Amino acid sequence: MDLAEIYRAEYGRCVATLTRFLGDINLAEEAVQDAFATAVRKWQEPPPNPGAWIVTTARNRAIDRLRRESTREARHAEALLLHHQDEPEEVGPVRDDQLRLIFTCCHPALAPDARAALTLRLLGGLETAEIARAYLVPEATVAQRIVRAKKKIRDAGIPYRVPAAHELPDRLPPVLTVLYLMFNEGYAATAGPLIRTDLCAEAIRLARELAALMPDEPEVLGLLALLLLTEARRPARLGPGGEPVLLAAQDRTRWDRALIAEGHDLVRRCLRRNRPGPFQIQAAINAVHTDGDATDWAQVLALYDQLYTLTPTPIVALNRAVAVAEVHGPAVALAVLEDVDLPGYHRLPAARAELLARLGRDTEAAEAYDQAIALATNETEREHLRRRRAGT
């Protein structure tokens, strides 16, 4: 494992751990970044436990920095940090540093877009440019959101702790959303390798922690089921050259049957509760995809109709149009897409291109592919779109 892989795998854990020691997100992140910079200079090869090395080095850097400060607050922080040189006993309902950091980043005092950006930065280790591409906004906008969120946490005195048990349900929706976004960035990365298994694995791990913490919350179970059923298809998602393989062309024998069985069981548990929510419905859609040798598209469309009633977003409308094409044909789906507005999102013109190609409108399909290629940010995905265009 090279240093870049270690950074992706360990950054979020290290920041979360240091935040517990320091009680200061900014200082924790700066100390971890300093520690990785030190690793670049000092490592001939990674140590046996690189994450522990980074945490120890970062903690020492933080102590050195605090000692150089002359304020009373800095001396107090140094004393607190030295007091916690050994791992303190964790208390409260959440016993996972990263999950606690997510609850901090998703505090209701923060704006929703800032919550997601801050979490992806601190927990996912994503660079500001990567988050900007994922959200289709300028990099400067994301940077401002992150800076303002950190300032809000500091100025409002938002503590690095878990909300009380009775507060957890109300604090849950943004936490579920950021875990979903973290997994999505891993499963369809905006840059670099198309799939980042470290982000997918971490999102699933945290979703499992959340399900253990809140086993009676259907949307928590729904999110976990959704992630597991999506992850189950990952072994067949890329071809021999690393190119994406569409669902219809995937070798279903390569899907992870254990994850599918676990995901289906969770979906059934959700159905018994009869409190449908967006993540549960998305999990049910994926359960249909992974049930048997072929997808029951009529059932998928019915579920998308239900999902759109709950969350009438352009993304849901786009995904629903794919099901419409399978049930009612590409012409009907193309008409549906006329009302979908997703500026800057490459998957909308890509979907239009596929439908136009199925209708034999090759010139228009090629133009739509060109739009999708221009908007896509991942080179692997761009190359896939170029190949699809060449076939029109």
Protein backbone atom coordinates (compact mmCIF):
# COMPACT_ATOMS: atom_id res chain seq x y z
CA MET A 1 0.00 0.00 0.00
CA ASP A 2 1.52 3.34 -1.01
CA LEU A 3 1.21 6.61 0.89
CA ALA A 4 -1.67 7.87 -1.28
CA GLU A 5 -3.70 4.74 -0.48
CA ILE A 6 -2.84 5.06 3.22
CA TYR A 7 -3.99 8.68 3.13
CA ARG A 8 -7.33 7.72 1.60
CA ALA A 9 -7.82 4.83 4.04
CA GLU A 10 -6.63 6.48 7.25
CA TYR A 11 -7.25 10.22 6.97
CA GLY A 12 -10.80 10.21 8.31
CA ARG A 13 -9.99 7.86 11.19
CA CYS A 14 -6.98 9.94 12.22
CA VAL A 15 -8.86 13.25 12.12
CA ALA A 16 -11.73 11.76 14.13
CA THR A 17 -9.38 10.33 16.76
CA LEU A 18 -7.40 13.56 17.09
CA THR A 19 -10.63 15.56 17.34
CA ARG A 20 -11.61 13.50 20.37
CA PHE A 21 -8.24 14.22 21.97
CA LEU A 22 -8.14 17.90 21.06
CA GLY A 23 -11.76 18.96 20.98
CA ASP A 24 -10.81 21.15 17.99
CA ILE A 25 -11.52 20.04 14.43
CA ASN A 26 -9.23 22.63 12.82
CA LEU A 27 -6.27 21.74 14.99
CA ALA A 28 -6.89 18.02 14.50
CA GLU A 29 -6.99 18.32 10.72
CA GLU A 30 -3.89 20.50 10.58
CA ALA A 31 -1.99 18.10 12.85
CA VAL A 32 -2.94 15.10 10.69
CA GLN A 33 -1.90 16.93 7.53
CA ASP A 34 1.44 17.78 9.17
CA ALA A 35 1.89 14.14 10.13
CA PHE A 36 1.31 12.96 6.57
CA ALA A 37 3.80 15.58 5.34
CA THR A 38 6.30 14.16 7.84
CA ALA A 39 5.58 10.66 6.55
CA VAL A 40 6.45 11.75 3.02
CA ARG A 41 9.87 12.84 4.26
CA LYS A 42 10.63 10.02 6.68
CA TRP A 43 9.03 6.80 5.47
CA GLN A 44 11.20 4.51 3.41
CA GLU A 45 8.30 2.10 3.59
CA PRO A 46 5.05 2.25 5.61
CA PRO A 47 5.22 1.08 9.24
CA PRO A 48 3.19 -1.97 10.31
CA ASN A 49 0.38 0.25 11.63
CA PRO A 50 0.48 3.47 9.58
CA GLY A 51 -2.69 4.90 11.13
CA ALA A 52 -1.28 4.65 14.65
CA TRP A 53 1.97 6.27 13.47
CA ILE A 54 0.04 9.17 11.96
CA VAL A 55 -2.08 9.67 15.09
CA THR A 56 0.97 9.60 17.40
CA THR A 57 2.92 12.00 15.18
CA ALA A 58 -0.07 14.31 14.77
CA ARG A 59 -0.68 14.36 18.51
CA ASN A 60 2.95 15.29 19.15
CA ARG A 61 2.74 18.04 16.51
CA ALA A 62 -0.39 19.41 18.17
CA ILE A 63 1.30 19.44 21.59
CA ASP A 64 4.31 21.27 20.13
CA ARG A 65 2.05 23.84 18.54
CA LEU A 66 0.07 24.40 21.72
CA ARG A 67 3.27 24.83 23.73
CA ARG A 68 4.32 27.61 21.38
CA GLU A 69 1.07 29.43 22.07
CA SER A 70 0.93 31.72 25.07
CA THR A 71 -2.80 31.99 25.63
CA ARG A 72 -4.57 30.52 28.59
CA GLU A 73 -6.85 28.53 26.26
CA ALA A 74 -3.85 26.97 24.51
CA ARG A 75 -2.25 25.97 27.82
CA HIS A 76 -5.55 24.43 28.91
CA ALA A 77 -5.80 22.51 25.62
CA GLU A 78 -2.24 21.25 26.05
CA ALA A 79 -3.00 20.03 29.56
CA LEU A 80 -6.13 18.26 28.34
CA LEU A 81 -4.24 16.62 25.50
CA LEU A 82 -1.42 15.45 27.75
CA HIS A 83 -4.02 14.07 30.17
CA HIS A 84 -5.40 11.94 27.34
CA GLN A 85 -2.11 10.49 26.13
CA ASP A 86 -3.64 7.09 26.75
CA GLU A 87 -6.95 6.31 25.11
CA PRO A 88 -9.69 7.64 27.39
CA GLU A 89 -12.67 5.48 28.15
CA GLU A 90 -15.44 6.27 25.71
CA VAL A 91 -18.85 7.09 27.12
CA GLY A 92 -22.25 7.71 25.59
CA PRO A 93 -24.30 5.79 23.03
CA VAL A 94 -21.79 6.16 20.16
CA ARG A 95 -18.41 4.47 20.63
CA ASP A 96 -16.94 5.20 17.25
CA ASP A 97 -14.88 8.35 16.73
CA GLN A 98 -15.84 8.75 13.09
CA LEU A 99 -19.53 8.28 13.74
CA ARG A 100 -19.35 10.87 16.51
CA LEU A 101 -17.56 13.25 14.16
CA ILE A 102 -20.35 12.79 11.61
CA PHE A 103 -22.93 13.76 14.25
CA THR A 104 -20.83 16.85 15.02
CA CYS A 105 -20.55 17.79 11.35
CA CYS A 106 -24.29 17.23 10.91
CA HIS A 107 -25.34 19.46 13.80
CA PRO A 108 -28.61 21.29 12.98
CA ALA A 109 -26.85 24.63 13.48
CA LEU A 110 -24.94 24.02 10.25
CA ALA A 111 -26.39 24.52 6.77
CA PRO A 112 -27.23 21.25 4.97
CA ASP A 113 -24.77 21.79 2.11
CA ALA A 114 -22.04 22.64 4.64
CA ARG A 115 -22.73 19.44 6.62
CA ALA A 116 -22.13 17.22 3.62
CA ALA A 117 -19.06 19.11 2.40
CA LEU A 118 -17.44 19.12 5.84
CA THR A 119 -18.11 15.41 6.40
CA LEU A 120 -16.75 14.39 3.02
CA ARG A 121 -13.65 16.47 3.71
CA LEU A 122 -13.00 15.26 7.24
CA LEU A 123 -14.27 11.68 7.09
CA GLY A 124 -13.74 10.83 3.45
CA GLY A 125 -10.49 12.72 3.04
CA LEU A 126 -11.79 14.20 -0.21
CA GLU A 127 -10.05 17.27 -1.56
CA THR A 128 -12.09 20.42 -2.02
CA ALA A 129 -11.94 20.06 -5.80
CA GLU A 130 -13.36 16.52 -5.63
CA ILE A 131 -16.27 17.67 -3.46
CA ALA A 132 -16.92 20.56 -5.84
CA ARG A 133 -17.10 18.19 -8.81
CA ALA A 134 -19.48 15.90 -6.91
CA TYR A 135 -21.80 18.82 -6.14
CA LEU A 136 -21.43 20.57 -9.50
CA VAL A 137 -20.43 23.83 -7.81
CA PRO A 138 -17.26 25.97 -7.98
CA GLU A 139 -14.34 24.86 -5.82
CA ALA A 140 -14.32 28.25 -4.07
CA THR A 141 -17.94 27.70 -3.01
CA VAL A 142 -17.10 24.39 -1.35
CA ALA A 143 -14.06 25.89 0.36
CA GLN A 144 -16.22 28.68 1.79
CA ARG A 145 -18.81 26.18 3.02
CA ILE A 146 -16.15 24.16 4.84
CA VAL A 147 -14.50 27.22 6.41
CA ARG A 148 -17.85 28.61 7.55
CA ALA A 149 -18.91 25.24 8.98
CA LYS A 150 -15.72 24.94 11.02
CA LYS A 151 -16.10 28.53 12.23
CA LYS A 152 -19.71 27.84 13.20
CA ILE A 153 -18.66 24.76 15.19
CA ARG A 154 -16.03 26.81 17.00
CA ASP A 155 -18.05 29.98 17.58
CA ALA A 156 -21.25 28.20 18.60
CA GLY A 157 -19.33 25.86 20.88
CA ILE A 158 -20.76 22.78 19.17
CA PRO A 159 -19.24 19.96 21.22
CA TYR A 160 -17.54 16.88 19.86
CA ARG A 161 -19.90 14.47 21.48
CA VAL A 162 -22.88 12.34 20.72
CA PRO A 163 -26.37 13.76 21.14
CA ALA A 164 -28.40 12.20 23.94
CA ALA A 165 -30.25 9.02 23.04
CA HIS A 166 -33.60 10.81 22.86
CA GLU A 167 -32.10 13.34 20.41
CA LEU A 168 -30.69 10.78 18.01
CA PRO A 169 -33.80 10.28 15.81
CA ASP A 170 -34.10 14.02 15.09
CA ARG A 171 -30.39 14.25 14.27
CA LEU A 172 -30.51 11.18 12.03
CA PRO A 173 -31.57 12.37 8.52
CA PRO A 174 -28.43 14.41 7.68
CA VAL A 175 -26.20 11.63 9.05
CA LEU A 176 -27.86 9.10 6.75
CA THR A 177 -27.47 11.50 3.83
CA VAL A 178 -23.75 12.03 4.33
CA LEU A 179 -23.10 8.29 4.65
CA TYR A 180 -25.03 7.81 1.41
CA LEU A 181 -22.98 10.53 -0.29
CA MET A 182 -19.74 9.05 1.02
CA PHE A 183 -20.64 5.65 -0.44
CA ASN A 184 -21.71 7.20 -3.75
CA GLU A 185 -18.38 9.00 -4.10
CA GLY A 186 -16.67 5.67 -3.50
CA TYR A 187 -18.87 3.76 -5.95
CA ALA A 188 -18.70 6.36 -8.73
CA ALA A 189 -15.73 8.59 -7.96
CA THR A 190 -15.60 12.02 -9.55
CA ALA A 191 -11.87 11.63 -10.26
CA GLY A 192 -9.15 8.98 -10.18
CA PRO A 193 -10.17 5.31 -10.09
CA LEU A 194 -13.85 4.89 -10.90
CA ILE A 195 -14.39 2.93 -7.67
CA ARG A 196 -12.81 3.84 -4.32
CA THR A 197 -13.26 0.70 -2.26
CA ASP A 198 -11.96 2.43 0.88
CA LEU A 199 -14.82 4.95 0.87
CA CYS A 200 -17.41 2.26 0.11
CA ALA A 201 -16.11 0.05 2.92
CA GLU A 202 -16.00 2.91 5.42
CA ALA A 203 -19.54 4.05 4.60
CA ILE A 204 -20.79 0.49 5.07
CA ARG A 205 -18.87 0.11 8.34
CA LEU A 206 -20.35 3.32 9.71
CA ALA A 207 -23.83 2.34 8.52
CA ARG A 208 -23.44 -0.94 10.42
CA GLU A 209 -22.40 0.99 13.54
CA LEU A 210 -25.46 3.20 13.15
CA ALA A 211 -27.74 0.19 12.70
CA ALA A 212 -26.33 -1.35 15.88
CA LEU A 213 -26.94 1.94 17.69
CA MET A 214 -30.48 2.43 16.33
CA PRO A 215 -31.82 -1.03 15.35
CA ASP A 216 -35.45 0.11 15.41
CA GLU A 217 -35.03 2.96 12.91
CA PRO A 218 -36.30 1.69 9.52
CA GLU A 219 -34.40 4.30 7.49
CA VAL A 220 -31.12 3.24 9.12
CA LEU A 221 -31.81 -0.35 8.11
CA GLY A 222 -32.88 0.87 4.68
CA LEU A 223 -29.63 2.74 4.14
CA LEU A 224 -27.54 -0.25 5.24
CA ALA A 225 -29.53 -2.53 2.92
CA LEU A 226 -29.10 -0.10 0.03
CA LEU A 227 -25.33 0.07 0.51
CA LEU A 228 -24.97 -3.70 0.86
CA LEU A 229 -27.05 -4.49 -2.21
CA THR A 230 -25.17 -1.93 -4.28
CA GLU A 231 -21.80 -3.16 -3.01
CA ALA A 232 -22.84 -6.74 -3.85
CA ARG A 233 -22.78 -5.86 -7.56
CA ARG A 234 -19.35 -4.22 -7.46
CA PRO A 235 -17.33 -7.32 -8.51
CA ALA A 236 -19.15 -7.31 -11.86
CA ARG A 237 -19.27 -3.55 -12.34
CA LEU A 238 -15.90 -3.18 -14.08
CA GLY A 239 -14.65 -5.00 -17.15
CA PRO A 240 -11.16 -6.46 -17.67
CA GLY A 241 -9.77 -3.05 -18.62
CA GLY A 242 -11.42 -1.24 -15.72
CA GLU A 243 -14.26 0.07 -17.89
CA PRO A 244 -17.78 0.29 -16.39
CA VAL A 245 -20.19 -2.53 -17.24
CA LEU A 246 -23.87 -1.61 -17.42
CA LEU A 247 -26.32 -3.54 -15.24
CA ALA A 248 -27.87 -5.46 -18.14
CA ALA A 249 -24.45 -6.72 -19.25
CA GLN A 250 -23.12 -7.68 -15.81
CA ASP A 251 -22.26 -11.29 -15.00
CA ARG A 252 -24.65 -11.95 -12.13
CA THR A 253 -22.70 -15.00 -11.02
CA ARG A 254 -19.99 -12.59 -9.83
CA TRP A 255 -22.34 -10.74 -7.49
CA ASP A 256 -21.74 -11.25 -3.76
CA ARG A 257 -24.55 -13.57 -2.68
CA ALA A 258 -23.86 -13.18 1.04
CA LEU A 259 -24.30 -9.40 0.83
CA ILE A 260 -27.43 -9.87 -1.28
CA ALA A 261 -28.93 -12.24 1.28
CA GLU A 262 -28.14 -9.81 4.11
CA GLY A 263 -29.56 -6.88 2.16
CA HIS A 264 -32.77 -8.75 1.29
CA ASP A 265 -33.23 -9.70 4.95
CA LEU A 266 -32.91 -6.04 5.96
CA VAL A 267 -35.44 -5.00 3.30
CA ARG A 268 -37.91 -7.57 4.65
CA ARG A 269 -37.40 -6.19 8.16
CA CYS A 270 -38.20 -2.72 6.82
CA LEU A 271 -41.33 -3.96 5.09
CA ARG A 272 -42.61 -5.49 8.33
CA ARG A 273 -42.33 -2.07 10.00
CA ASN A 274 -44.46 -0.51 7.24
CA ARG A 275 -42.93 2.98 7.63
CA PRO A 276 -41.53 3.51 4.13
CA GLY A 277 -38.89 6.17 3.63
CA PRO A 278 -36.56 7.14 0.75
CA PHE A 279 -33.65 4.88 1.71
CA GLN A 280 -35.94 1.93 2.30
CA ILE A 281 -37.54 2.36 -1.12
CA GLN A 282 -34.14 2.65 -2.81
CA ALA A 283 -33.09 -0.51 -1.00
CA ALA A 284 -36.24 -2.24 -2.25
CA ILE A 285 -35.39 -1.18 -5.81
CA ASN A 286 -31.95 -2.72 -5.46
CA ALA A 287 -33.50 -5.83 -3.95
CA VAL A 288 -35.57 -6.22 -7.12
CA HIS A 289 -32.43 -5.81 -9.25
CA THR A 290 -30.67 -8.56 -7.29
CA ASP A 291 -33.59 -10.99 -7.11
CA GLY A 292 -33.29 -13.79 -9.66
CA ASP A 293 -31.75 -13.78 -13.12
CA ALA A 294 -33.49 -10.68 -14.50
CA THR A 295 -34.88 -7.39 -13.24
CA ASP A 296 -38.65 -6.99 -12.88
CA TRP A 297 -38.76 -3.49 -14.37
CA ALA A 298 -42.49 -3.02 -13.77
CA GLN A 299 -41.87 -3.50 -10.06
CA VAL A 300 -38.88 -1.14 -10.19
CA LEU A 301 -40.99 1.53 -11.89
CA ALA A 302 -43.75 1.18 -9.27
CA LEU A 303 -41.15 1.70 -6.54
CA TYR A 304 -39.71 4.72 -8.34
CA ASP A 305 -43.21 6.18 -8.56
CA GLN A 306 -43.47 5.81 -4.78
CA LEU A 307 -40.00 7.27 -4.27
CA TYR A 308 -40.76 10.27 -6.48
CA THR A 309 -43.88 10.98 -4.43
CA LEU A 310 -41.72 11.18 -1.30
CA THR A 311 -38.69 12.92 -2.84
CA PRO A 312 -39.53 14.60 -6.18
CA THR A 313 -35.93 15.47 -7.04
CA PRO A 314 -34.38 15.66 -10.53
CA ILE A 315 -32.06 12.73 -9.70
CA VAL A 316 -35.00 10.50 -8.81
CA ALA A 317 -36.78 11.64 -11.99
CA LEU A 318 -33.71 10.73 -14.06
CA ASN A 319 -33.43 7.27 -12.51
CA ARG A 320 -37.16 6.74 -12.87
CA ALA A 321 -36.89 7.52 -16.59
CA VAL A 322 -34.53 4.54 -16.99
CA ALA A 323 -37.26 2.29 -15.60
CA VAL A 324 -39.87 4.00 -17.80
CA ALA A 325 -37.75 3.12 -20.85
CA GLU A 326 -37.70 -0.56 -19.89
CA VAL A 327 -41.46 -0.70 -19.27
CA HIS A 328 -42.93 1.75 -21.80
CA GLY A 329 -40.10 2.18 -24.31
CA PRO A 330 -37.40 4.77 -25.02
CA ALA A 331 -39.71 7.31 -26.68
CA VAL A 332 -41.85 7.68 -23.57
CA ALA A 333 -38.75 7.90 -21.38
CA LEU A 334 -37.23 10.55 -23.64
CA ALA A 335 -40.35 12.67 -23.20
CA VAL A 336 -40.03 12.26 -19.40
CA LEU A 337 -36.45 13.53 -19.53
CA GLU A 338 -37.56 16.74 -21.23
CA ASP A 339 -38.83 17.94 -17.84
CA VAL A 340 -35.67 16.99 -15.93
CA ASP A 341 -33.33 19.87 -15.16
CA LEU A 342 -29.83 18.87 -14.02
CA PRO A 343 -27.39 21.46 -15.38
CA GLY A 344 -23.81 20.26 -15.36
CA TYR A 345 -24.68 16.63 -14.54
CA HIS A 346 -23.26 14.34 -17.21
CA ARG A 347 -25.61 11.44 -16.56
CA LEU A 348 -28.62 13.36 -17.94
CA PRO A 349 -27.23 13.78 -21.48
CA ALA A 350 -25.75 10.27 -21.22
CA ALA A 351 -29.23 8.88 -20.53
CA ARG A 352 -30.68 10.91 -23.40
CA ALA A 353 -27.95 9.59 -25.67
CA GLU A 354 -28.78 5.97 -24.79
CA LEU A 355 -32.47 6.52 -25.47
CA LEU A 356 -31.83 8.34 -28.76
CA ALA A 357 -29.52 5.54 -29.88
CA ARG A 358 -32.21 2.94 -29.11
CA LEU A 359 -34.60 4.96 -31.27
CA GLY A 360 -32.11 5.00 -34.15
CA ARG A 361 -31.60 8.77 -33.92
CA ASP A 362 -27.83 8.39 -34.18
CA THR A 363 -26.89 11.99 -35.00
CA GLU A 364 -28.77 13.33 -31.99
CA ALA A 365 -27.38 10.53 -29.85
CA ALA A 366 -23.82 11.45 -30.82
CA GLU A 367 -24.46 15.08 -29.89
CA ALA A 368 -25.85 14.04 -26.50
CA TYR A 369 -22.83 11.79 -25.92
CA ASP A 370 -20.58 14.75 -26.71
CA GLN A 371 -22.37 16.78 -24.04
CA ALA A 372 -21.97 13.98 -21.51
CA ILE A 373 -18.27 13.54 -22.31
CA ALA A 374 -17.67 17.25 -21.84
CA LEU A 375 -19.38 17.23 -18.44
CA ALA A 376 -17.97 13.97 -17.02
CA THR A 377 -15.08 14.47 -14.59
CA ASN A 378 -13.79 10.91 -14.28
CA GLU A 379 -11.52 9.88 -17.17
CA THR A 380 -12.60 6.23 -17.00
CA GLU A 381 -16.21 7.28 -17.38
CA ARG A 382 -15.34 9.67 -20.21
CA GLU A 383 -13.62 6.85 -22.09
CA HIS A 384 -16.66 4.64 -21.55
CA LEU A 385 -18.89 7.35 -23.04
CA ARG A 386 -16.54 7.75 -26.00
CA ARG A 387 -16.85 4.04 -26.74
CA ARG A 388 -20.63 4.22 -26.50
CA ARG A 389 -20.60 7.20 -28.88
CA ALA A 390 -18.44 5.31 -31.36
CA GLY A 391 -21.13 2.65 -31.55
CA THR A 392 -23.84 5.08 -32.64
